[in-house]
Amino acid sequence: MPRIRPEFTKSPYFVDEPGNWHLKSGAPKELQMELNNYLSNLEVIDEPGAINGVQIGYPYDH
């Protein structure tokens, strides 16, 4: 399945350093918020028995 490239990565303000994504100074506030939201979502750890944060149950789990 192809991954959708976030819009902020297409900006001339975006710096794609491995392990150190950041924006150049002067980046618009909206772009800063988009990058910060994206990076904070990467820190969300899925729990066992979940796919992308959605708990998966089985018919016999009652």
Protein backbone atom coordinates (compact mmCIF):
# COMPACT_ATOMS: atom_id res chain seq x y z
CA MET A 1 0.00 0.00 0.00
CA PRO A 2 1.50 3.35 -0.96
CA ARG A 3 2.03 5.86 1.80
CA ILE A 4 0.73 9.38 1.41
CA ARG A 5 3.50 11.93 1.66
CA PRO A 6 2.56 14.68 4.14
CA GLU A 7 2.15 18.11 2.56
CA PHE A 8 4.78 19.72 4.79
CA THR A 9 7.47 17.51 3.21
CA LYS A 10 6.86 19.27 -0.12
CA SER A 11 7.56 22.71 1.33
CA PRO A 12 10.81 24.57 0.62
CA TYR A 13 11.00 25.16 4.42
CA PHE A 14 11.18 21.43 5.16
CA VAL A 15 14.60 19.90 5.94
CA ASP A 16 14.68 16.10 5.58
CA GLU A 17 17.64 15.10 7.72
CA PRO A 18 17.48 11.44 8.81
CA GLY A 19 16.20 11.38 12.39
CA ASN A 20 16.00 15.18 12.51
CA TRP A 21 13.10 16.47 10.46
CA HIS A 22 12.70 20.19 10.99
CA LEU A 23 11.72 23.42 9.28
CA LYS A 24 13.91 26.32 8.28
CA SER A 25 13.41 29.57 10.15
CA GLY A 26 10.57 31.69 8.85
CA ALA A 27 8.28 28.73 8.17
CA PRO A 28 4.56 29.62 8.36
CA LYS A 29 2.79 28.78 11.65
CA GLU A 30 0.40 26.39 9.85
CA LEU A 31 3.36 24.41 8.52
CA GLN A 32 4.98 24.32 11.96
CA MET A 33 1.75 22.99 13.48
CA GLU A 34 1.41 20.32 10.78
CA LEU A 35 4.96 19.07 11.36
CA ASN A 36 4.57 19.11 15.16
CA ASN A 37 1.28 17.18 14.96
CA TYR A 38 2.82 14.63 12.62
CA LEU A 39 5.87 14.09 14.82
CA SER A 40 3.81 13.82 18.02
CA ASN A 41 1.57 11.21 16.39
CA LEU A 42 4.65 9.11 15.65
CA GLU A 43 5.19 8.85 19.41
CA VAL A 44 1.82 7.14 19.97
CA ILE A 45 2.49 3.50 20.74
CA ASP A 46 -0.16 0.97 19.81
CA GLU A 47 -1.25 -1.39 22.55
CA PRO A 48 -1.13 -5.16 22.07
CA GLY A 49 -4.31 -6.36 20.37
CA ALA A 50 -4.73 -3.06 18.51
CA ILE A 51 -4.15 -1.96 14.95
CA ASN A 52 -3.43 1.75 14.57
CA GLY A 53 -4.89 2.35 18.02
CA VAL A 54 -8.13 0.47 17.30
CA GLN A 55 -8.79 -2.38 19.73
CA ILE A 56 -9.46 -5.61 17.87
CA GLY A 57 -11.88 -8.06 19.49
CA TYR A 58 -12.87 -11.59 18.56
CA PRO A 59 -16.43 -12.96 18.51
CA TYR A 60 -15.60 -15.23 21.46
CA ASP A 61 -14.24 -12.36 23.64
CA HIS A 62 -17.41 -11.89 25.72
